Amino acid sequence: MTVPEFGRFFLPGPTEVHPDILKAMQRPMIPHRGQQMVDLLKGLEAPLKQLCRTERNVLIGTCAATGFMEMAVRSGVRHRALCLAGGAFGERFAGIVAATGREVVRLEVALGRTVEPDMLRDALRRSDADAVTLVHSETSTGALAPLEELAHVVHEFDDVMLLVDAVTSMGGCPVETDEWDLDFVFTGSQKALALPPGLALGVASERMLENAKNIPERGAYLDVVAFHKAAANYQPTNTPALSQVYALEAQLSRIDAEGGVEARWRRHDEMRRVVEEWVCGPGGELGFTYLPREDRRSWTVSCLRVPEGVNGRQLVHAMKREGWTIGTGYGELRHSTIRIGHMGDHTPAGVRELLGALESVVP
């Protein structure tokens, strides 16, 4: 089988995985309760804390990020959650709240828009919610919520937990876990971290852990208290996906070599600006426009309206024939938009090459 050239796969997830990471996964298995496992997890502790901008334990789970989304709900919502929804993943968060027997109060905005601080403050005054769920970077629309400002609003209300989906933001743009006092924040391996799917990372505040201890129905496999206890002792909760952990170790070393997570943020910001400049130039002349407004655009995924009379899905198929992978629009946006996942180990130069190819396939 011919291995495709790296740098032509721009799906909004899973992200393209660098050959060095794939090679790291070929290491042999080790006993997951032995000293080698302890040493492996100890070695990950400091770089994971730097990645997540925290002094707290970083939890590692062998599951999709949706598993930690359920953890957030089971351990963070006592009775009622105010769920911020402006796309598919905000709706997924709300759906899990409902599926676990908690009451859902929705605060909805149009696709491509974000909940703003004054809207959140007004909704919290009226909702009697004990938790807020929100998606920082909405992968389905490319909208980036003003997380820092929203966190300040939530903390105006005593005893309200802030539960944050940072799946396409952590590692790709600022997520200041401790500084913004996020009660629970989680991500997945297959987005800005550019690892194969299958790992979730999360950070819980002390307030979240104390809250969880008073929720008897928080579950077993996704119990945040059990995860925190295991992490403190450099142990996995269950048999881990060792190859994925090897990949995580290798990628954290690559992030350090790049100059740390701040350097990674800067590269992602530059990739976003490359797309913006293109939309203001050749792309705009062809008829492409952004779905989110200028100051609410994700640093990791751009959702673009396609030119009038053009079908987004057909554009994606045309790009595939040219050897490029991008994302179709999500849900009701499937025909009217495309999504470009410029995250992970991609570069601004690679994004420019992709956009040049996109120009060539527009009918």
Protein backbone atom coordinates (compact mmCIF):
# COMPACT_ATOMS: atom_id res chain seq x y z
CA MET A 1 0.00 0.00 0.00
CA THR A 2 1.29 3.46 -0.90
CA VAL A 3 1.54 5.75 2.12
CA PRO A 4 -0.03 9.13 1.26
CA GLU A 5 2.09 12.25 1.54
CA PHE A 6 1.72 13.98 4.89
CA GLY A 7 0.00 17.35 4.79
CA ARG A 8 -3.03 16.80 2.56
CA PHE A 9 -5.59 15.66 5.13
CA PHE A 10 -7.46 18.64 6.60
CA LEU A 11 -10.53 17.00 8.11
CA PRO A 12 -11.78 18.74 11.30
CA GLY A 13 -11.10 15.46 13.06
CA PRO A 14 -9.63 12.98 13.14
CA THR A 15 -6.58 15.08 12.31
CA GLU A 16 -3.68 13.82 10.23
CA VAL A 17 -1.11 11.99 12.35
CA HIS A 18 2.58 12.61 11.75
CA PRO A 19 4.68 9.56 10.80
CA ASP A 20 6.89 10.06 13.89
CA ILE A 21 3.82 9.60 16.09
CA LEU A 22 2.70 6.47 14.27
CA LYS A 23 6.19 5.04 14.69
CA ALA A 24 6.11 5.71 18.45
CA MET A 25 3.02 3.51 18.74
CA GLN A 26 4.95 0.43 17.65
CA ARG A 27 6.68 -0.01 21.01
CA PRO A 28 5.99 -3.27 22.86
CA MET A 29 3.44 -3.63 25.62
CA ILE A 30 4.34 -3.23 29.30
CA PRO A 31 2.51 -4.33 32.47
CA HIS A 32 -0.03 -1.61 33.14
CA ARG A 33 0.26 -2.07 36.93
CA GLY A 34 4.03 -2.22 37.04
CA GLN A 35 6.81 0.29 37.62
CA GLN A 36 7.23 0.93 33.89
CA MET A 37 3.68 2.27 33.76
CA VAL A 38 4.27 4.43 36.82
CA ASP A 39 7.41 5.84 35.22
CA LEU A 40 5.56 6.50 31.94
CA LEU A 41 2.76 8.43 33.67
CA LYS A 42 5.21 10.32 35.89
CA GLY A 43 7.03 11.43 32.76
CA LEU A 44 3.79 12.74 31.27
CA GLU A 45 2.76 14.71 34.37
CA ALA A 46 4.69 17.97 33.85
CA PRO A 47 4.18 18.31 30.06
CA LEU A 48 0.46 17.53 30.39
CA LYS A 49 0.07 20.23 33.04
CA GLN A 50 1.85 22.68 30.75
CA LEU A 51 -0.38 21.69 27.84
CA CYS A 52 -3.56 22.11 29.90
CA ARG A 53 -2.34 25.25 31.73
CA THR A 54 -2.96 23.77 35.15
CA GLU A 55 -1.32 22.67 38.38
CA ARG A 56 -4.05 20.09 38.87
CA ASN A 57 -3.86 16.42 37.89
CA VAL A 58 -4.57 15.79 34.21
CA LEU A 59 -6.83 12.78 33.76
CA ILE A 60 -6.19 10.35 30.90
CA GLY A 61 -9.03 8.15 29.69
CA THR A 62 -9.20 5.47 27.02
CA CYS A 63 -12.34 6.75 25.34
CA ALA A 64 -13.56 9.36 22.93
CA ALA A 65 -13.91 12.88 24.28
CA THR A 66 -17.64 12.16 24.45
CA GLY A 67 -16.82 9.82 27.35
CA PHE A 68 -15.38 12.71 29.32
CA MET A 69 -18.36 14.81 28.27
CA GLU A 70 -20.50 12.22 30.06
CA MET A 71 -18.06 12.28 32.99
CA ALA A 72 -18.55 16.04 33.20
CA VAL A 73 -22.32 15.62 33.38
CA ARG A 74 -22.40 12.66 35.77
CA SER A 75 -19.99 14.29 38.20
CA GLY A 76 -20.79 17.96 37.65
CA VAL A 77 -24.57 18.28 37.27
CA ARG A 78 -26.69 17.65 40.31
CA HIS A 79 -30.19 18.41 39.02
CA ARG A 80 -30.32 20.96 36.20
CA ALA A 81 -27.86 22.24 33.59
CA LEU A 82 -28.00 25.37 31.47
CA CYS A 83 -26.74 24.06 28.13
CA LEU A 84 -25.29 26.55 25.66
CA ALA A 85 -26.00 25.33 22.15
CA GLY A 86 -25.10 26.83 18.80
CA GLY A 87 -24.20 23.68 16.91
CA ALA A 88 -24.06 19.89 16.93
CA PHE A 89 -21.68 19.46 19.86
CA GLY A 90 -23.47 21.89 22.13
CA GLU A 91 -26.54 19.80 21.36
CA ARG A 92 -24.60 16.62 22.13
CA PHE A 93 -23.71 18.01 25.56
CA ALA A 94 -27.40 18.81 26.19
CA GLY A 95 -28.38 15.35 24.98
CA ILE A 96 -26.07 13.68 27.48
CA VAL A 97 -27.48 15.82 30.29
CA ALA A 98 -30.96 14.57 29.36
CA ALA A 99 -29.80 10.96 28.91
CA THR A 100 -28.37 10.90 32.46
CA GLY A 101 -31.68 12.01 33.95
CA ARG A 102 -30.84 15.65 34.63
CA GLU A 103 -33.01 18.54 33.56
CA VAL A 104 -31.92 20.54 30.52
CA VAL A 105 -32.43 24.25 30.10
CA ARG A 106 -31.26 25.32 26.63
CA LEU A 107 -29.72 28.66 25.73
CA GLU A 108 -29.62 28.51 21.94
CA VAL A 109 -28.10 30.77 19.32
CA ALA A 110 -28.10 30.55 15.54
CA LEU A 111 -25.53 28.37 13.78
CA GLY A 112 -22.25 30.24 13.57
CA ARG A 113 -23.09 32.47 16.53
CA THR A 114 -21.95 32.19 20.15
CA VAL A 115 -23.62 32.87 23.48
CA GLU A 116 -22.40 36.22 24.78
CA PRO A 117 -21.76 37.12 28.45
CA ASP A 118 -24.88 39.26 28.94
CA MET A 119 -27.03 36.49 27.46
CA LEU A 120 -25.51 33.95 29.83
CA ARG A 121 -25.93 36.18 32.87
CA ASP A 122 -29.60 36.75 32.09
CA ALA A 123 -30.21 33.02 31.53
CA LEU A 124 -28.51 32.03 34.79
CA ARG A 125 -30.66 34.49 36.71
CA ARG A 126 -33.77 32.78 35.34
CA SER A 127 -32.76 29.11 35.12
CA ASP A 128 -31.90 27.98 38.68
CA ALA A 129 -29.22 25.75 37.07
CA ASP A 130 -26.45 24.16 39.12
CA ALA A 131 -24.14 23.74 36.09
CA VAL A 132 -23.37 25.29 32.73
CA THR A 133 -22.25 23.20 29.76
CA LEU A 134 -20.54 24.91 26.86
CA VAL A 135 -18.46 24.13 23.81
CA HIS A 136 -15.44 26.41 23.44
CA SER A 137 -14.76 25.72 19.75
CA GLU A 138 -17.88 24.41 18.02
CA THR A 139 -16.51 22.02 15.41
CA SER A 140 -19.72 21.98 13.38
CA THR A 141 -19.75 25.75 12.77
CA GLY A 142 -16.19 26.96 13.40
CA ALA A 143 -17.42 29.39 16.07
CA LEU A 144 -15.19 30.17 19.07
CA ALA A 145 -17.00 31.10 22.28
CA PRO A 146 -15.56 33.88 24.51
CA LEU A 147 -14.67 31.36 27.19
CA GLU A 148 -12.79 33.66 29.56
CA GLU A 149 -15.64 36.16 29.68
CA LEU A 150 -18.27 33.43 30.02
CA ALA A 151 -16.30 31.86 32.88
CA HIS A 152 -16.32 35.19 34.73
CA VAL A 153 -20.10 35.32 34.42
CA VAL A 154 -20.59 31.77 35.71
CA HIS A 155 -18.47 32.54 38.77
CA GLU A 156 -20.79 35.41 39.66
CA PHE A 157 -23.24 32.68 40.71
CA ASP A 158 -22.40 30.58 43.74
CA ASP A 159 -22.33 26.81 43.41
CA VAL A 160 -22.71 26.68 39.61
CA MET A 161 -20.27 24.30 37.90
CA LEU A 162 -18.65 25.29 34.61
CA LEU A 163 -18.18 22.27 32.31
CA VAL A 164 -16.21 22.94 29.12
CA ASP A 165 -15.80 20.99 25.90
CA ALA A 166 -12.37 22.08 24.62
CA VAL A 167 -12.13 19.33 22.03
CA THR A 168 -11.06 21.52 19.10
CA SER A 169 -9.49 24.29 21.16
CA MET A 170 -7.09 22.79 23.70
CA GLY A 171 -3.63 22.69 22.17
CA GLY A 172 -4.71 24.98 19.35
CA CYS A 173 -5.63 28.20 21.14
CA PRO A 174 -5.52 29.59 24.70
CA VAL A 175 -7.43 27.50 27.25
CA GLU A 176 -6.33 28.80 30.65
CA THR A 177 -7.71 26.08 32.90
CA ASP A 178 -6.51 27.44 36.24
CA GLU A 179 -6.52 31.16 35.47
CA TRP A 180 -10.12 31.05 34.22
CA ASP A 181 -11.12 28.66 37.04
CA LEU A 182 -12.74 26.03 34.82
CA ASP A 183 -14.42 23.35 36.91
CA PHE A 184 -14.05 20.62 34.32
CA VAL A 185 -12.45 20.90 30.89
CA PHE A 186 -11.76 18.06 28.48
CA THR A 187 -10.42 17.32 25.04
CA GLY A 188 -9.80 14.40 22.71
CA SER A 189 -6.58 13.08 21.22
CA GLN A 190 -7.63 13.34 17.57
CA LYS A 191 -7.95 17.12 17.21
CA ALA A 192 -5.32 19.82 17.87
CA LEU A 193 -3.07 17.25 19.58
CA ALA A 194 -2.89 15.37 16.25
CA LEU A 195 -2.96 11.89 17.77
CA PRO A 196 -5.02 8.89 16.69
CA PRO A 197 -8.55 8.81 18.14
CA GLY A 198 -9.04 6.99 21.41
CA LEU A 199 -7.76 9.12 24.29
CA ALA A 200 -9.52 11.79 26.32
CA LEU A 201 -7.81 14.29 28.61
CA GLY A 202 -9.55 16.20 31.37
CA VAL A 203 -8.90 18.47 34.34
CA ALA A 204 -11.22 18.77 37.35
CA SER A 205 -11.21 21.52 39.98
CA GLU A 206 -11.32 20.79 43.68
CA ARG A 207 -14.83 22.20 43.68
CA MET A 208 -15.82 19.72 40.96
CA LEU A 209 -14.35 16.81 42.92
CA GLU A 210 -16.16 17.78 46.11
CA ASN A 211 -19.37 18.22 44.15
CA ALA A 212 -18.95 14.76 42.60
CA LYS A 213 -18.58 13.08 45.97
CA ASN A 214 -22.15 14.14 46.77
CA ILE A 215 -23.57 12.58 43.59
CA PRO A 216 -24.05 8.85 44.29
CA GLU A 217 -25.21 8.06 40.72
CA ARG A 218 -22.09 9.43 38.99
CA GLY A 219 -21.25 5.98 37.59
CA ALA A 220 -18.20 3.75 37.79
CA TYR A 221 -16.15 3.68 34.58
CA LEU A 222 -16.37 7.47 34.17
CA ASP A 223 -16.16 8.43 37.85
CA VAL A 224 -14.07 11.60 38.06
CA VAL A 225 -13.17 10.90 41.70
CA ALA A 226 -11.72 7.50 40.80
CA PHE A 227 -9.81 9.03 37.87
CA HIS A 228 -8.37 11.73 40.09
CA LYS A 229 -7.27 9.24 42.75
CA ALA A 230 -5.61 7.04 40.12
CA ALA A 231 -3.83 10.00 38.50
CA ALA A 232 -2.47 11.14 41.86
CA ASN A 233 -0.84 7.71 42.24
CA TYR A 234 0.38 7.49 38.62
CA GLN A 235 -2.00 4.66 37.88
CA PRO A 236 -4.58 4.07 35.15
CA THR A 237 -8.14 3.43 36.28
CA ASN A 238 -8.48 0.46 33.93
CA THR A 239 -6.34 -1.27 31.33
CA PRO A 240 -5.13 1.64 29.19
CA ALA A 241 -4.58 1.82 25.43
CA LEU A 242 -0.80 1.71 25.83
CA SER A 243 -0.01 2.48 22.19
CA GLN A 244 -2.07 5.66 22.46
CA VAL A 245 -0.19 6.69 25.60
CA TYR A 246 3.11 6.14 23.76
CA ALA A 247 1.80 8.42 21.02
CA LEU A 248 0.85 11.04 23.60
CA GLU A 249 4.34 10.90 25.10
CA ALA A 250 5.91 11.40 21.67
CA GLN A 251 3.64 14.31 20.78
CA LEU A 252 4.28 16.10 24.05
CA SER A 253 8.00 15.92 23.23
CA ARG A 254 7.30 17.40 19.78
CA ILE A 255 5.28 20.22 21.35
CA ASP A 256 8.16 20.99 23.69
CA ALA A 257 10.59 21.03 20.76
CA GLU A 258 8.35 23.48 18.91
CA GLY A 259 8.64 25.93 21.80
CA GLY A 260 5.80 24.79 24.06
CA VAL A 261 2.05 25.13 23.82
CA GLU A 262 2.25 28.91 23.29
CA ALA A 263 4.25 28.36 20.10
CA ARG A 264 1.65 25.82 19.00
CA TRP A 265 -1.09 28.39 19.63
CA ARG A 266 0.76 30.94 17.49
CA ARG A 267 1.03 28.51 14.60
CA HIS A 268 -2.67 27.72 14.78
CA ASP A 269 -3.52 31.42 14.92
CA GLU A 270 -1.40 31.97 11.81
CA MET A 271 -3.20 29.14 9.98
CA ARG A 272 -6.53 30.76 10.83
CA ARG A 273 -5.26 34.10 9.54
CA VAL A 274 -4.12 32.47 6.29
CA VAL A 275 -7.71 31.37 5.69
CA GLU A 276 -9.07 34.79 6.64
CA GLU A 277 -6.70 36.52 4.22
CA TRP A 278 -7.73 34.11 1.48
CA VAL A 279 -11.42 34.79 2.10
CA CYS A 280 -10.66 38.51 1.91
CA GLY A 281 -8.82 37.92 -1.40
CA PRO A 282 -9.09 35.12 -3.97
CA GLY A 283 -11.59 33.07 -1.99
CA GLY A 284 -13.89 36.04 -1.51
CA GLU A 285 -13.72 36.83 -5.21
CA LEU A 286 -14.93 33.28 -5.86
CA GLY A 287 -17.79 33.78 -3.39
CA PHE A 288 -16.57 32.11 -0.19
CA THR A 289 -17.53 33.77 3.11
CA TYR A 290 -17.11 32.86 6.78
CA LEU A 291 -20.02 31.50 8.78
CA PRO A 292 -18.89 33.00 12.17
CA ARG A 293 -18.16 36.69 12.59
CA GLU A 294 -14.58 37.94 12.62
CA ASP A 295 -13.91 37.91 16.37
CA ARG A 296 -15.62 34.56 16.97
CA ARG A 297 -13.69 32.29 14.61
CA SER A 298 -12.04 29.08 15.77
CA TRP A 299 -8.27 28.90 15.47
CA THR A 300 -8.47 25.24 14.44
CA VAL A 301 -11.42 24.83 12.07
CA SER A 302 -12.82 27.25 9.50
CA CYS A 303 -16.42 26.85 8.39
CA LEU A 304 -16.93 28.63 5.07
CA ARG A 305 -20.08 29.28 3.08
CA VAL A 306 -19.56 28.10 -0.47
CA PRO A 307 -20.27 30.32 -3.48
CA GLU A 308 -23.88 30.69 -4.57
CA GLY A 309 -24.93 27.86 -6.82
CA VAL A 310 -22.12 25.58 -5.61
CA ASN A 311 -22.74 22.43 -3.58
CA GLY A 312 -20.34 22.05 -0.66
CA ARG A 313 -20.38 18.25 -0.75
CA GLN A 314 -19.49 18.27 -4.44
CA LEU A 315 -16.54 20.57 -3.66
CA VAL A 316 -15.32 18.13 -1.02
CA HIS A 317 -15.51 15.27 -3.52
CA ALA A 318 -13.67 17.34 -6.14
CA MET A 319 -10.89 18.03 -3.63
CA LYS A 320 -10.72 14.31 -2.83
CA ARG A 321 -10.12 13.55 -6.49
CA GLU A 322 -7.17 15.96 -6.36
CA GLY A 323 -5.72 14.17 -3.32
CA TRP A 324 -6.98 16.55 -0.61
CA THR A 325 -9.33 15.83 2.30
CA ILE A 326 -11.50 18.55 3.84
CA GLY A 327 -14.79 18.34 5.72
CA THR A 328 -18.31 18.74 4.49
CA GLY A 329 -20.69 21.00 6.34
CA TYR A 330 -22.37 19.47 9.38
CA GLY A 331 -26.08 18.68 9.58
CA GLU A 332 -28.24 21.28 7.92
CA LEU A 333 -25.07 23.05 6.73
CA ARG A 334 -23.91 20.02 4.73
CA HIS A 335 -24.57 21.53 1.30
CA SER A 336 -23.99 25.23 2.01
CA THR A 337 -20.62 25.08 3.81
CA ILE A 338 -17.28 23.32 3.90
CA ARG A 339 -14.99 22.90 6.92
CA ILE A 340 -11.20 23.05 6.89
CA GLY A 341 -9.44 21.55 9.92
CA HIS A 342 -6.18 23.50 10.15
CA MET A 343 -4.89 22.01 13.35
CA GLY A 344 -2.39 19.60 14.81
CA ASP A 345 0.88 19.34 12.90
CA HIS A 346 -0.24 21.27 9.81
CA THR A 347 1.53 24.46 8.79
CA PRO A 348 0.54 27.83 7.30
CA ALA A 349 2.37 26.86 4.10
CA GLY A 350 0.29 23.69 3.89
CA VAL A 351 -2.92 25.65 4.37
CA ARG A 352 -1.93 28.00 1.51
CA GLU A 353 -1.32 25.01 -0.74
CA LEU A 354 -4.71 23.57 0.20
CA LEU A 355 -6.49 26.84 -0.57
CA GLY A 356 -4.78 27.03 -3.93
CA ALA A 357 -6.12 23.57 -4.72
CA LEU A 358 -9.57 24.64 -3.56
CA GLU A 359 -9.52 27.57 -5.98
CA SER A 360 -8.83 25.18 -8.85
CA VAL A 361 -11.88 22.96 -8.26
CA VAL A 362 -14.54 25.65 -7.89
CA PRO A 363 -16.84 25.29 -10.94
